[in-house]
Amino acid sequence: MIDLRSDTVTRPGAAMLSAMISAETGDDVYGDDPTVNALEAEAARLSGKEAALFLPTGTQANLVALLCHCQRGEEYIVGQQAHNYKYEAGGAAVLGSIQPQPVTAAADGTLPLDLVEQFIKPDDFHFAITRLLSLENTHNGKVLPLSYLAEAWAFTRQRGLALHIDGARIFNAAVALNVGLEAIARYCDTLTICLSKGLGAPVGSLLCGSADYIQRARRWRKMTGGAMRQAGILAAAGRYALEHNVARLQEDHDNAAWLAEALQKRDVNVSRQDTNMVFVRVPEADVAPLKAWMHERGILLSTGPVTRLVTHLDVDRQALETLVSHWQAFLRARH
């Protein structure tokens, strides 16, 4: 199947599987797994932070991040469409009694700081205490500009807030900006990195921050059930991904740009393309038929009025050419 639903569908290749099979392991709860330790050290180095923590999922990494930043009855300011507000089952509110304060993002994915300012609560016992600004980079494929991140960093220093970046696709941002991860991470207190999207690992995320912060995070990881034992088998995939699959993200961006142009030439209503994501407007009457048409031809799409197509390491240019051909045939048959 050609699967464009998400970059989470990637599967480990032979070299990554070989690294996993040969990984040296130990009990990570005791701190004895050398492969996990090496992965965490590499993530800290790349991000310019003092320490990092390996967790099973990005959702748990974001949850632990929020639990470390905010106490019960405190709040974080976050985008209305941000993953750690909308798509993580309300974990911070349900499990941490942390109040989210959502705001509407600008067209470029940034949270306007003048708008954020309006939602910072005064020091009054009627209100939750505002502790954190949470950003997402990339946000629906959009890269947050370094200039904005610098402004947000200065803003949070002035307002006494911490700044967290949900960096599920932060390496896509770094590749698009042609900078190292540290050039982005210098503008936040903490960040998460997902290894199982475009980087191609089967599982795992990292949380990076100060040494004291990561020590607190270890306690929350244990409490939320994320402390693993011989996790080096999984960490080896993450190490391989960081070593071999970061620079190649540019291929995904290039493929997405090619796909957007190819679809536009065939009168498909492409609304935008950013990094490895292409967004297509589909008439309501075509949503279900398009999905069925593609599935019958070995292509998986998450269709909707706005359909997102995500390129990744398991989809090459030939596969995209096949997609475009079938889409063109669908339009001819349909209209």
C-alpha atoms as a PDB file:
ATOM      1  CA  MET A   1       0.000   0.000   0.000  1.00  0.00           C
ATOM      2  CA  ILE A   2       1.020   3.600  -0.681  1.00  0.00           C
ATOM      3  CA  ASP A   3       0.162   5.258   2.624  1.00  0.00           C
ATOM      4  CA  LEU A   4      -0.075   9.051   2.769  1.00  0.00           C
ATOM      5  CA  ARG A   5      -2.233   9.316   5.882  1.00  0.00           C
ATOM      6  CA  SER A   6       0.676  10.394   8.089  1.00  0.00           C
ATOM      7  CA  ASP A   7       4.419  10.094   8.546  1.00  0.00           C
ATOM      8  CA  THR A   8       3.649   7.947  11.609  1.00  0.00           C
ATOM      9  CA  VAL A   9       3.092   4.958   9.305  1.00  0.00           C
ATOM     10  CA  THR A  10       6.792   4.531   8.487  1.00  0.00           C
ATOM     11  CA  ARG A  11       8.360   1.156   9.144  1.00  0.00           C
ATOM     12  CA  PRO A  12      11.937   0.461  10.218  1.00  0.00           C
ATOM     13  CA  GLY A  13      14.187  -0.595   7.363  1.00  0.00           C
ATOM     14  CA  ALA A  14      16.692  -3.429   7.376  1.00  0.00           C
ATOM     15  CA  ALA A  15      19.582  -1.316   8.721  1.00  0.00           C
ATOM     16  CA  MET A  16      17.469   0.062  11.567  1.00  0.00           C
ATOM     17  CA  LEU A  17      16.194  -3.414  12.441  1.00  0.00           C
ATOM     18  CA  SER A  18      19.766  -4.679  12.462  1.00  0.00           C
ATOM     19  CA  ALA A  19      20.729  -1.932  14.909  1.00  0.00           C
ATOM     20  CA  MET A  20      17.812  -2.900  17.137  1.00  0.00           C
ATOM     21  CA  ILE A  21      18.695  -6.592  17.097  1.00  0.00           C
ATOM     22  CA  SER A  22      22.318  -5.930  18.046  1.00  0.00           C
ATOM     23  CA  ALA A  23      21.572  -3.242  20.670  1.00  0.00           C
ATOM     24  CA  GLU A  24      23.298  -3.501  24.011  1.00  0.00           C
ATOM     25  CA  THR A  25      20.697  -3.365  26.756  1.00  0.00           C
ATOM     26  CA  GLY A  26      20.266  -3.024  30.503  1.00  0.00           C
ATOM     27  CA  ASP A  27      17.540  -2.043  32.949  1.00  0.00           C
ATOM     28  CA  ASP A  28      16.710   1.571  32.135  1.00  0.00           C
ATOM     29  CA  VAL A  29      14.748   2.089  35.369  1.00  0.00           C
ATOM     30  CA  TYR A  30      18.065   1.576  37.146  1.00  0.00           C
ATOM     31  CA  GLY A  31      19.766   3.788  34.562  1.00  0.00           C
ATOM     32  CA  ASP A  32      21.708   0.776  33.303  1.00  0.00           C
ATOM     33  CA  ASP A  33      20.727   0.673  29.631  1.00  0.00           C
ATOM     34  CA  PRO A  34      23.750   1.968  27.686  1.00  0.00           C
ATOM     35  CA  THR A  35      21.830   2.430  24.432  1.00  0.00           C
ATOM     36  CA  VAL A  36      19.117   4.513  26.101  1.00  0.00           C
ATOM     37  CA  ASN A  37      21.786   6.545  27.890  1.00  0.00           C
ATOM     38  CA  ALA A  38      23.602   7.163  24.615  1.00  0.00           C
ATOM     39  CA  LEU A  39      20.380   8.229  22.876  1.00  0.00           C
ATOM     40  CA  GLU A  40      19.523  10.650  25.654  1.00  0.00           C
ATOM     41  CA  ALA A  41      23.035  12.086  25.631  1.00  0.00           C
ATOM     42  CA  GLU A  42      22.889  12.600  21.869  1.00  0.00           C
ATOM     43  CA  ALA A  43      19.502  14.310  22.087  1.00  0.00           C
ATOM     44  CA  ALA A  44      20.834  16.628  24.791  1.00  0.00           C
ATOM     45  CA  ARG A  45      23.875  17.434  22.661  1.00  0.00           C
ATOM     46  CA  LEU A  46      21.888  18.141  19.521  1.00  0.00           C
ATOM     47  CA  SER A  47      19.377  20.338  21.345  1.00  0.00           C
ATOM     48  CA  GLY A  48      21.955  22.160  23.441  1.00  0.00           C
ATOM     49  CA  LYS A  49      20.141  21.152  26.641  1.00  0.00           C
ATOM     50  CA  GLU A  50      21.673  19.629  29.738  1.00  0.00           C
ATOM     51  CA  ALA A  51      19.718  16.390  29.650  1.00  0.00           C
ATOM     52  CA  ALA A  52      17.079  14.350  27.816  1.00  0.00           C
ATOM     53  CA  LEU A  53      14.637  11.586  28.650  1.00  0.00           C
ATOM     54  CA  PHE A  54      13.432   8.721  26.430  1.00  0.00           C
ATOM     55  CA  LEU A  55       9.693   8.035  26.558  1.00  0.00           C
ATOM     56  CA  PRO A  56       7.471   5.586  24.669  1.00  0.00           C
ATOM     57  CA  THR A  57       5.257   8.157  22.926  1.00  0.00           C
ATOM     58  CA  GLY A  58       5.019  11.814  21.997  1.00  0.00           C
ATOM     59  CA  THR A  59       1.731  12.122  23.859  1.00  0.00           C
ATOM     60  CA  GLN A  60       3.368  10.928  27.057  1.00  0.00           C
ATOM     61  CA  ALA A  61       6.388  13.164  26.478  1.00  0.00           C
ATOM     62  CA  ASN A  62       4.106  16.195  26.161  1.00  0.00           C
ATOM     63  CA  LEU A  63       2.103  15.118  29.210  1.00  0.00           C
ATOM     64  CA  VAL A  64       5.211  14.696  31.345  1.00  0.00           C
ATOM     65  CA  ALA A  65       6.482  18.055  30.084  1.00  0.00           C
ATOM     66  CA  LEU A  66       3.284  19.784  31.210  1.00  0.00           C
ATOM     67  CA  LEU A  67       3.217  17.948  34.540  1.00  0.00           C
ATOM     68  CA  CYS A  68       6.727  19.205  35.253  1.00  0.00           C
ATOM     69  CA  HIS A  69       5.935  22.795  34.310  1.00  0.00           C
ATOM     70  CA  CYS A  70       2.525  23.194  35.954  1.00  0.00           C
ATOM     71  CA  GLN A  71       0.997  22.210  39.269  1.00  0.00           C
ATOM     72  CA  ARG A  72      -2.691  21.506  39.937  1.00  0.00           C
ATOM     73  CA  GLY A  73      -4.777  24.592  39.280  1.00  0.00           C
ATOM     74  CA  GLU A  74      -2.176  26.207  37.042  1.00  0.00           C
ATOM     75  CA  GLU A  75      -2.452  26.697  33.302  1.00  0.00           C
ATOM     76  CA  TYR A  76      -0.627  26.653  30.007  1.00  0.00           C
ATOM     77  CA  ILE A  77      -1.381  28.873  27.013  1.00  0.00           C
ATOM     78  CA  VAL A  78      -1.541  26.827  23.821  1.00  0.00           C
ATOM     79  CA  GLY A  79      -2.831  26.934  20.256  1.00  0.00           C
ATOM     80  CA  GLN A  80      -6.469  26.047  19.622  1.00  0.00           C
ATOM     81  CA  GLN A  81      -5.365  23.378  17.111  1.00  0.00           C
ATOM     82  CA  ALA A  82      -2.189  22.321  18.935  1.00  0.00           C
ATOM     83  CA  HIS A  83      -1.643  18.611  19.358  1.00  0.00           C
ATOM     84  CA  ASN A  84      -1.052  18.770  23.113  1.00  0.00           C
ATOM     85  CA  TYR A  85      -4.353  20.591  23.554  1.00  0.00           C
ATOM     86  CA  LYS A  86      -6.711  19.032  21.009  1.00  0.00           C
ATOM     87  CA  TYR A  87      -5.386  15.588  20.132  1.00  0.00           C
ATOM     88  CA  GLU A  88      -4.035  14.098  23.365  1.00  0.00           C
ATOM     89  CA  ALA A  89      -7.318  13.196  25.079  1.00  0.00           C
ATOM     90  CA  GLY A  90      -7.156  16.096  27.524  1.00  0.00           C
ATOM     91  CA  GLY A  91      -4.441  14.328  29.497  1.00  0.00           C
ATOM     92  CA  ALA A  92      -3.007  17.412  31.196  1.00  0.00           C
ATOM     93  CA  ALA A  93      -6.452  18.429  32.460  1.00  0.00           C
ATOM     94  CA  VAL A  94      -7.629  14.930  33.378  1.00  0.00           C
ATOM     95  CA  LEU A  95      -4.429  13.579  34.929  1.00  0.00           C
ATOM     96  CA  GLY A  96      -2.688  16.757  36.042  1.00  0.00           C
ATOM     97  CA  SER A  97      -5.575  19.138  36.833  1.00  0.00           C
ATOM     98  CA  ILE A  98      -3.766  21.595  34.555  1.00  0.00           C
ATOM     99  CA  GLN A  99      -5.978  24.106  32.783  1.00  0.00           C
ATOM    100  CA  PRO A 100      -5.345  24.721  29.084  1.00  0.00           C
ATOM    101  CA  GLN A 101      -5.928  28.250  27.801  1.00  0.00           C
ATOM    102  CA  PRO A 102      -6.265  27.861  24.032  1.00  0.00           C
ATOM    103  CA  VAL A 103      -5.742  30.789  21.662  1.00  0.00           C
ATOM    104  CA  THR A 104      -6.129  30.980  17.901  1.00  0.00           C
ATOM    105  CA  ALA A 105      -2.908  30.660  15.930  1.00  0.00           C
ATOM    106  CA  ALA A 106      -1.994  33.043  13.131  1.00  0.00           C
ATOM    107  CA  ALA A 107      -1.924  31.852   9.529  1.00  0.00           C
ATOM    108  CA  ASP A 108       1.796  31.075   9.812  1.00  0.00           C
ATOM    109  CA  GLY A 109       1.310  28.792  12.818  1.00  0.00           C
ATOM    110  CA  THR A 110       2.606  31.249  15.410  1.00  0.00           C
ATOM    111  CA  LEU A 111       0.665  32.330  18.481  1.00  0.00           C
ATOM    112  CA  PRO A 112       0.462  36.153  18.296  1.00  0.00           C
ATOM    113  CA  LEU A 113       2.185  37.434  21.405  1.00  0.00           C
ATOM    114  CA  ASP A 114      -0.172  40.381  21.809  1.00  0.00           C
ATOM    115  CA  LEU A 115      -3.004  37.841  21.933  1.00  0.00           C
ATOM    116  CA  VAL A 116      -1.092  35.623  24.361  1.00  0.00           C
ATOM    117  CA  GLU A 117      -0.588  38.679  26.561  1.00  0.00           C
ATOM    118  CA  GLN A 118      -4.347  39.089  26.888  1.00  0.00           C
ATOM    119  CA  PHE A 119      -4.728  35.583  28.288  1.00  0.00           C
ATOM    120  CA  ILE A 120      -2.049  35.759  30.988  1.00  0.00           C
ATOM    121  CA  LYS A 121      -4.020  35.777  34.208  1.00  0.00           C
ATOM    122  CA  PRO A 122      -3.464  38.483  36.838  1.00  0.00           C
ATOM    123  CA  ASP A 123      -2.292  37.507  40.323  1.00  0.00           C
ATOM    124  CA  ASP A 124      -5.801  37.002  41.685  1.00  0.00           C
ATOM    125  CA  PHE A 125      -7.154  33.978  43.542  1.00  0.00           C
ATOM    126  CA  HIS A 126     -10.119  33.861  41.150  1.00  0.00           C
ATOM    127  CA  PHE A 127      -7.877  32.664  38.344  1.00  0.00           C
ATOM    128  CA  ALA A 128      -5.615  29.780  37.508  1.00  0.00           C
ATOM    129  CA  ILE A 129      -1.951  30.747  37.605  1.00  0.00           C
ATOM    130  CA  THR A 130      -0.431  31.077  34.143  1.00  0.00           C
ATOM    131  CA  ARG A 131       2.873  29.190  34.070  1.00  0.00           C
ATOM    132  CA  LEU A 132       3.701  28.179  30.516  1.00  0.00           C
ATOM    133  CA  LEU A 133       3.512  29.096  26.854  1.00  0.00           C
ATOM    134  CA  SER A 134       3.414  25.985  24.669  1.00  0.00           C
ATOM    135  CA  LEU A 135       4.255  26.222  20.960  1.00  0.00           C
ATOM    136  CA  GLU A 136       4.240  23.575  18.237  1.00  0.00           C
ATOM    137  CA  ASN A 137       6.970  23.376  15.583  1.00  0.00           C
ATOM    138  CA  THR A 138       6.150  22.444  12.903  1.00  0.00           C
ATOM    139  CA  HIS A 139       2.442  23.315  13.208  1.00  0.00           C
ATOM    140  CA  ASN A 140       0.414  21.571  10.500  1.00  0.00           C
ATOM    141  CA  GLY A 141       3.600  21.521   8.481  1.00  0.00           C
ATOM    142  CA  LYS A 142       4.373  25.204   9.025  1.00  0.00           C
ATOM    143  CA  VAL A 143       7.795  26.163  10.327  1.00  0.00           C
ATOM    144  CA  LEU A 144       7.871  28.772  13.083  1.00  0.00           C
ATOM    145  CA  PRO A 145      10.353  31.521  12.074  1.00  0.00           C
ATOM    146  CA  LEU A 146      13.471  31.874  14.200  1.00  0.00           C
ATOM    147  CA  SER A 147      12.690  35.572  14.594  1.00  0.00           C
ATOM    148  CA  TYR A 148       9.328  34.709  16.138  1.00  0.00           C
ATOM    149  CA  LEU A 149      10.893  32.132  18.460  1.00  0.00           C
ATOM    150  CA  ALA A 150      13.392  34.745  19.642  1.00  0.00           C
ATOM    151  CA  GLU A 151      10.534  37.173  20.335  1.00  0.00           C
ATOM    152  CA  ALA A 152       8.533  34.493  22.164  1.00  0.00           C
ATOM    153  CA  TRP A 153      11.587  33.613  24.257  1.00  0.00           C
ATOM    154  CA  ALA A 154      12.130  37.240  25.270  1.00  0.00           C
ATOM    155  CA  PHE A 155       8.390  37.631  25.912  1.00  0.00           C
ATOM    156  CA  THR A 156       8.247  34.666  28.282  1.00  0.00           C
ATOM    157  CA  ARG A 157      11.359  35.887  30.133  1.00  0.00           C
ATOM    158  CA  GLN A 158       9.661  39.231  30.700  1.00  0.00           C
ATOM    159  CA  ARG A 159       6.352  37.675  31.794  1.00  0.00           C
ATOM    160  CA  GLY A 160       7.826  35.025  34.071  1.00  0.00           C
ATOM    161  CA  LEU A 161       6.583  32.112  31.953  1.00  0.00           C
ATOM    162  CA  ALA A 162       8.335  28.947  30.862  1.00  0.00           C
ATOM    163  CA  LEU A 163       8.351  28.092  27.145  1.00  0.00           C
ATOM    164  CA  HIS A 164       7.826  24.569  25.846  1.00  0.00           C
ATOM    165  CA  ILE A 165       7.974  23.436  22.224  1.00  0.00           C
ATOM    166  CA  ASP A 166       6.070  20.378  21.100  1.00  0.00           C
ATOM    167  CA  GLY A 167       8.676  19.396  18.566  1.00  0.00           C
ATOM    168  CA  ALA A 168       7.082  16.274  17.149  1.00  0.00           C
ATOM    169  CA  ARG A 169       8.395  17.372  13.730  1.00  0.00           C
ATOM    170  CA  ILE A 170      11.053  19.787  14.921  1.00  0.00           C
ATOM    171  CA  PHE A 171      13.717  18.229  12.692  1.00  0.00           C
ATOM    172  CA  ASN A 172      11.498  19.022   9.701  1.00  0.00           C
ATOM    173  CA  ALA A 173      11.665  22.633  10.879  1.00  0.00           C
ATOM    174  CA  ALA A 174      15.443  22.485  11.305  1.00  0.00           C
ATOM    175  CA  VAL A 175      15.935  20.992   7.831  1.00  0.00           C
ATOM    176  CA  ALA A 176      13.603  23.546   6.251  1.00  0.00           C
ATOM    177  CA  LEU A 177      15.503  26.387   7.943  1.00  0.00           C
ATOM    178  CA  ASN A 178      18.871  24.744   7.181  1.00  0.00           C
ATOM    179  CA  VAL A 179      19.977  25.053  10.804  1.00  0.00           C
ATOM    180  CA  GLY A 180      20.936  22.651  13.558  1.00  0.00           C
ATOM    181  CA  LEU A 181      18.442  21.700  16.222  1.00  0.00           C
ATOM    182  CA  GLU A 182      20.172  23.879  18.813  1.00  0.00           C
ATOM    183  CA  ALA A 183      19.431  26.996  16.756  1.00  0.00           C
ATOM    184  CA  ILE A 184      15.727  26.366  17.444  1.00  0.00           C
ATOM    185  CA  ALA A 185      15.995  24.819  20.906  1.00  0.00           C
ATOM    186  CA  ARG A 186      17.898  27.800  22.337  1.00  0.00           C
ATOM    187  CA  TYR A 187      14.555  29.635  22.346  1.00  0.00           C
ATOM    188  CA  CYS A 188      12.749  27.273  24.712  1.00  0.00           C
ATOM    189  CA  ASP A 189      13.134  25.817  28.181  1.00  0.00           C
ATOM    190  CA  THR A 190      12.008  22.369  27.090  1.00  0.00           C
ATOM    191  CA  LEU A 191      11.143  20.539  23.896  1.00  0.00           C
ATOM    192  CA  THR A 192       9.927  17.170  22.737  1.00  0.00           C
ATOM    193  CA  ILE A 193      11.275  15.257  19.736  1.00  0.00           C
ATOM    194  CA  CYS A 194       9.274  12.473  18.086  1.00  0.00           C
ATOM    195  CA  LEU A 195      11.374   9.667  16.639  1.00  0.00           C
ATOM    196  CA  SER A 196       8.524   7.734  15.034  1.00  0.00           C
ATOM    197  CA  LYS A 197       7.336  10.210  12.397  1.00  0.00           C
ATOM    198  CA  GLY A 198       9.592  11.333   9.557  1.00  0.00           C
ATOM    199  CA  LEU A 199      12.660   9.985  11.346  1.00  0.00           C
ATOM    200  CA  GLY A 200      11.297   6.491  10.822  1.00  0.00           C
ATOM    201  CA  ALA A 201      11.721   4.812  14.221  1.00  0.00           C
ATOM    202  CA  PRO A 202       8.909   2.426  15.203  1.00  0.00           C
ATOM    203  CA  VAL A 203       8.307   4.062  18.587  1.00  0.00           C
ATOM    204  CA  GLY A 204       9.653   6.670  20.985  1.00  0.00           C
ATOM    205  CA  SER A 205      10.018  10.346  21.808  1.00  0.00           C
ATOM    206  CA  LEU A 206      12.483  12.464  23.737  1.00  0.00           C
ATOM    207  CA  LEU A 207      11.993  15.272  26.230  1.00  0.00           C
ATOM    208  CA  CYS A 208      14.910  17.704  26.546  1.00  0.00           C
ATOM    209  CA  GLY A 209      15.604  20.342  29.192  1.00  0.00           C
ATOM    210  CA  SER A 210      17.747  21.234  32.176  1.00  0.00           C
ATOM    211  CA  ALA A 211      19.207  18.495  34.368  1.00  0.00           C
ATOM    212  CA  ASP A 212      16.891  19.375  37.273  1.00  0.00           C
ATOM    213  CA  TYR A 213      13.866  19.426  35.004  1.00  0.00           C
ATOM    214  CA  ILE A 214      14.659  16.022  33.489  1.00  0.00           C
ATOM    215  CA  GLN A 215      15.162  14.573  36.955  1.00  0.00           C
ATOM    216  CA  ARG A 216      11.619  15.677  37.835  1.00  0.00           C
ATOM    217  CA  ALA A 217      10.449  14.273  34.517  1.00  0.00           C
ATOM    218  CA  ARG A 218      11.843  10.847  35.408  1.00  0.00           C
ATOM    219  CA  ARG A 219       9.509  10.718  38.391  1.00  0.00           C
ATOM    220  CA  TRP A 220       6.507  11.686  36.253  1.00  0.00           C
ATOM    221  CA  ARG A 221       7.524   9.171  33.577  1.00  0.00           C
ATOM    222  CA  LYS A 222       7.505   6.444  36.228  1.00  0.00           C
ATOM    223  CA  MET A 223       4.162   7.591  37.627  1.00  0.00           C
ATOM    224  CA  THR A 224       2.511   7.675  34.209  1.00  0.00           C
ATOM    225  CA  GLY A 225       3.771   4.210  33.315  1.00  0.00           C
ATOM    226  CA  GLY A 226       6.456   5.135  30.831  1.00  0.00           C
ATOM    227  CA  ALA A 227       9.558   3.755  32.562  1.00  0.00           C
ATOM    228  CA  MET A 228      10.750   0.742  30.576  1.00  0.00           C
ATOM    229  CA  ARG A 229      13.310  -1.954  31.263  1.00  0.00           C
ATOM    230  CA  GLN A 230      15.545  -3.225  28.419  1.00  0.00           C
ATOM    231  CA  ALA A 231      14.487  -0.293  26.271  1.00  0.00           C
ATOM    232  CA  GLY A 232      17.778  -0.178  24.370  1.00  0.00           C
ATOM    233  CA  ILE A 233      16.155  -2.250  21.633  1.00  0.00           C
ATOM    234  CA  LEU A 234      13.854   0.706  20.972  1.00  0.00           C
ATOM    235  CA  ALA A 235      16.455   3.362  21.692  1.00  0.00           C
ATOM    236  CA  ALA A 236      18.735   1.831  19.060  1.00  0.00           C
ATOM    237  CA  ALA A 237      16.133   2.675  16.437  1.00  0.00           C
ATOM    238  CA  GLY A 238      16.097   6.252  17.715  1.00  0.00           C
ATOM    239  CA  ARG A 239      19.871   6.501  17.573  1.00  0.00           C
ATOM    240  CA  TYR A 240      19.856   5.195  14.012  1.00  0.00           C
ATOM    241  CA  ALA A 241      17.158   7.694  13.102  1.00  0.00           C
ATOM    242  CA  LEU A 242      19.109  10.650  14.479  1.00  0.00           C
ATOM    243  CA  GLU A 243      22.259   9.550  12.688  1.00  0.00           C
ATOM    244  CA  HIS A 244      20.813   8.597   9.300  1.00  0.00           C
ATOM    245  CA  ASN A 245      17.332  10.037   8.810  1.00  0.00           C
ATOM    246  CA  VAL A 246      17.515  13.739   9.665  1.00  0.00           C
ATOM    247  CA  ALA A 247      19.123  15.166   6.516  1.00  0.00           C
ATOM    248  CA  ARG A 248      16.958  12.949   4.305  1.00  0.00           C
ATOM    249  CA  LEU A 249      13.838  14.797   5.528  1.00  0.00           C
ATOM    250  CA  GLN A 250      14.634  17.238   2.734  1.00  0.00           C
ATOM    251  CA  GLU A 251      13.586  14.498   0.298  1.00  0.00           C
ATOM    252  CA  ASP A 252      10.153  14.435   1.923  1.00  0.00           C
ATOM    253  CA  HIS A 253       9.864  18.222   1.598  1.00  0.00           C
ATOM    254  CA  ASP A 254      10.934  18.079  -2.037  1.00  0.00           C
ATOM    255  CA  ASN A 255       8.483  15.271  -2.740  1.00  0.00           C
ATOM    256  CA  ALA A 256       5.659  17.222  -1.105  1.00  0.00           C
ATOM    257  CA  ALA A 257       6.468  20.279  -3.223  1.00  0.00           C
ATOM    258  CA  TRP A 258       6.525  18.114  -6.363  1.00  0.00           C
ATOM    259  CA  LEU A 259       3.217  16.506  -5.394  1.00  0.00           C
ATOM    260  CA  ALA A 260       1.516  19.857  -4.798  1.00  0.00           C
ATOM    261  CA  GLU A 261       2.627  21.150  -8.190  1.00  0.00           C
ATOM    262  CA  ALA A 262       1.673  17.937  -9.991  1.00  0.00           C
ATOM    263  CA  LEU A 263      -1.815  17.904  -8.479  1.00  0.00           C
ATOM    264  CA  GLN A 264      -2.366  21.586  -9.250  1.00  0.00           C
ATOM    265  CA  LYS A 265      -1.507  20.945 -12.906  1.00  0.00           C
ATOM    266  CA  ARG A 266      -4.330  18.408 -12.959  1.00  0.00           C
ATOM    267  CA  ASP A 267      -6.861  20.839 -11.525  1.00  0.00           C
ATOM    268  CA  VAL A 268      -6.785  19.444  -8.013  1.00  0.00           C
ATOM    269  CA  ASN A 269      -7.527  22.224  -5.501  1.00  0.00           C
ATOM    270  CA  VAL A 270      -4.284  22.357  -3.512  1.00  0.00           C
ATOM    271  CA  SER A 271      -4.664  24.920  -0.735  1.00  0.00           C
ATOM    272  CA  ARG A 272      -1.069  24.829   0.502  1.00  0.00           C
ATOM    273  CA  GLN A 273       2.118  22.815   0.914  1.00  0.00           C
ATOM    274  CA  ASP A 274       4.498  23.174   3.844  1.00  0.00           C
ATOM    275  CA  THR A 275       7.474  20.913   4.597  1.00  0.00           C
ATOM    276  CA  ASN A 276       6.196  17.334   4.165  1.00  0.00           C
ATOM    277  CA  MET A 277       2.469  18.123   4.085  1.00  0.00           C
ATOM    278  CA  VAL A 278       0.127  18.917   1.211  1.00  0.00           C
ATOM    279  CA  PHE A 279      -3.429  20.095   1.905  1.00  0.00           C
ATOM    280  CA  VAL A 280      -6.101  19.550  -0.744  1.00  0.00           C
ATOM    281  CA  ARG A 281      -9.693  20.813  -0.764  1.00  0.00           C
ATOM    282  CA  VAL A 282     -12.092  18.060  -1.769  1.00  0.00           C
ATOM    283  CA  PRO A 283     -15.796  18.646  -2.540  1.00  0.00           C
ATOM    284  CA  GLU A 284     -17.980  17.065   0.139  1.00  0.00           C
ATOM    285  CA  ALA A 285     -19.604  14.746  -2.379  1.00  0.00           C
ATOM    286  CA  ASP A 286     -16.171  13.426  -3.433  1.00  0.00           C
ATOM    287  CA  VAL A 287     -14.745  12.709   0.019  1.00  0.00           C
ATOM    288  CA  ALA A 288     -15.978   9.133   0.495  1.00  0.00           C
ATOM    289  CA  PRO A 289     -15.727   8.114  -3.189  1.00  0.00           C
ATOM    290  CA  LEU A 290     -12.138   9.394  -3.392  1.00  0.00           C
ATOM    291  CA  LYS A 291     -11.127   7.365  -0.352  1.00  0.00           C
ATOM    292  CA  ALA A 292     -12.724   4.219  -1.752  1.00  0.00           C
ATOM    293  CA  TRP A 293     -11.275   4.791  -5.230  1.00  0.00           C
ATOM    294  CA  MET A 294      -7.755   5.145  -3.872  1.00  0.00           C
ATOM    295  CA  HIS A 295      -8.088   2.214  -1.472  1.00  0.00           C
ATOM    296  CA  GLU A 296      -9.139  -0.069  -4.313  1.00  0.00           C
ATOM    297  CA  ARG A 297      -5.940   0.948  -6.081  1.00  0.00           C
ATOM    298  CA  GLY A 298      -3.620   0.390  -3.118  1.00  0.00           C
ATOM    299  CA  ILE A 299      -3.469   3.936  -1.782  1.00  0.00           C
ATOM    300  CA  LEU A 300      -4.432   4.951   1.760  1.00  0.00           C
ATOM    301  CA  LEU A 301      -5.672   8.523   2.341  1.00  0.00           C
ATOM    302  CA  SER A 302      -7.410  10.220   5.243  1.00  0.00           C
ATOM    303  CA  THR A 303      -9.902  12.071   3.121  1.00  0.00           C
ATOM    304  CA  GLY A 304     -12.029  15.005   4.212  1.00  0.00           C
ATOM    305  CA  PRO A 305     -13.117  18.413   2.940  1.00  0.00           C
ATOM    306  CA  VAL A 306      -9.500  19.335   3.623  1.00  0.00           C
ATOM    307  CA  THR A 307      -7.387  16.268   2.909  1.00  0.00           C
ATOM    308  CA  ARG A 308      -3.850  16.131   4.261  1.00  0.00           C
ATOM    309  CA  LEU A 309      -1.231  14.193   2.294  1.00  0.00           C
ATOM    310  CA  VAL A 310       1.976  13.479   4.191  1.00  0.00           C
ATOM    311  CA  THR A 311       5.207  12.413   2.503  1.00  0.00           C
ATOM    312  CA  HIS A 312       7.732  10.247   4.320  1.00  0.00           C
ATOM    313  CA  LEU A 313      10.600   7.824   3.812  1.00  0.00           C
ATOM    314  CA  ASP A 314       8.334   4.953   2.721  1.00  0.00           C
ATOM    315  CA  VAL A 315       6.837   6.947  -0.178  1.00  0.00           C
ATOM    316  CA  ASP A 316       9.123   7.656  -3.122  1.00  0.00           C
ATOM    317  CA  ARG A 317       8.569   9.806  -6.206  1.00  0.00           C
ATOM    318  CA  GLN A 318       7.311   6.834  -8.226  1.00  0.00           C
ATOM    319  CA  ALA A 319       4.612   6.205  -5.619  1.00  0.00           C
ATOM    320  CA  LEU A 320       3.566   9.849  -5.824  1.00  0.00           C
ATOM    321  CA  GLU A 321       3.384   9.632  -9.609  1.00  0.00           C
ATOM    322  CA  THR A 322       1.033   6.677  -9.154  1.00  0.00           C
ATOM    323  CA  LEU A 323      -1.110   8.709  -6.765  1.00  0.00           C
ATOM    324  CA  VAL A 324      -1.335  11.638  -9.180  1.00  0.00           C
ATOM    325  CA  SER A 325      -2.298   9.328 -12.048  1.00  0.00           C
ATOM    326  CA  HIS A 326      -5.087   7.698 -10.044  1.00  0.00           C
ATOM    327  CA  TRP A 327      -6.340  11.076  -8.816  1.00  0.00           C
ATOM    328  CA  GLN A 328      -6.548  12.347 -12.375  1.00  0.00           C
ATOM    329  CA  ALA A 329      -8.447   9.207 -13.388  1.00  0.00           C
ATOM    330  CA  PHE A 330     -10.828   9.731 -10.449  1.00  0.00           C
ATOM    331  CA  LEU A 331     -11.621  13.263 -11.556  1.00  0.00           C
ATOM    332  CA  ARG A 332     -12.304  12.096 -15.101  1.00  0.00           C
ATOM    333  CA  ALA A 333     -14.565   9.288 -13.930  1.00  0.00           C
ATOM    334  CA  ARG A 334     -16.328  11.485 -11.407  1.00  0.00           C
ATOM    335  CA  HIS A 335     -16.855  14.594 -13.485  1.00  0.00           C
END
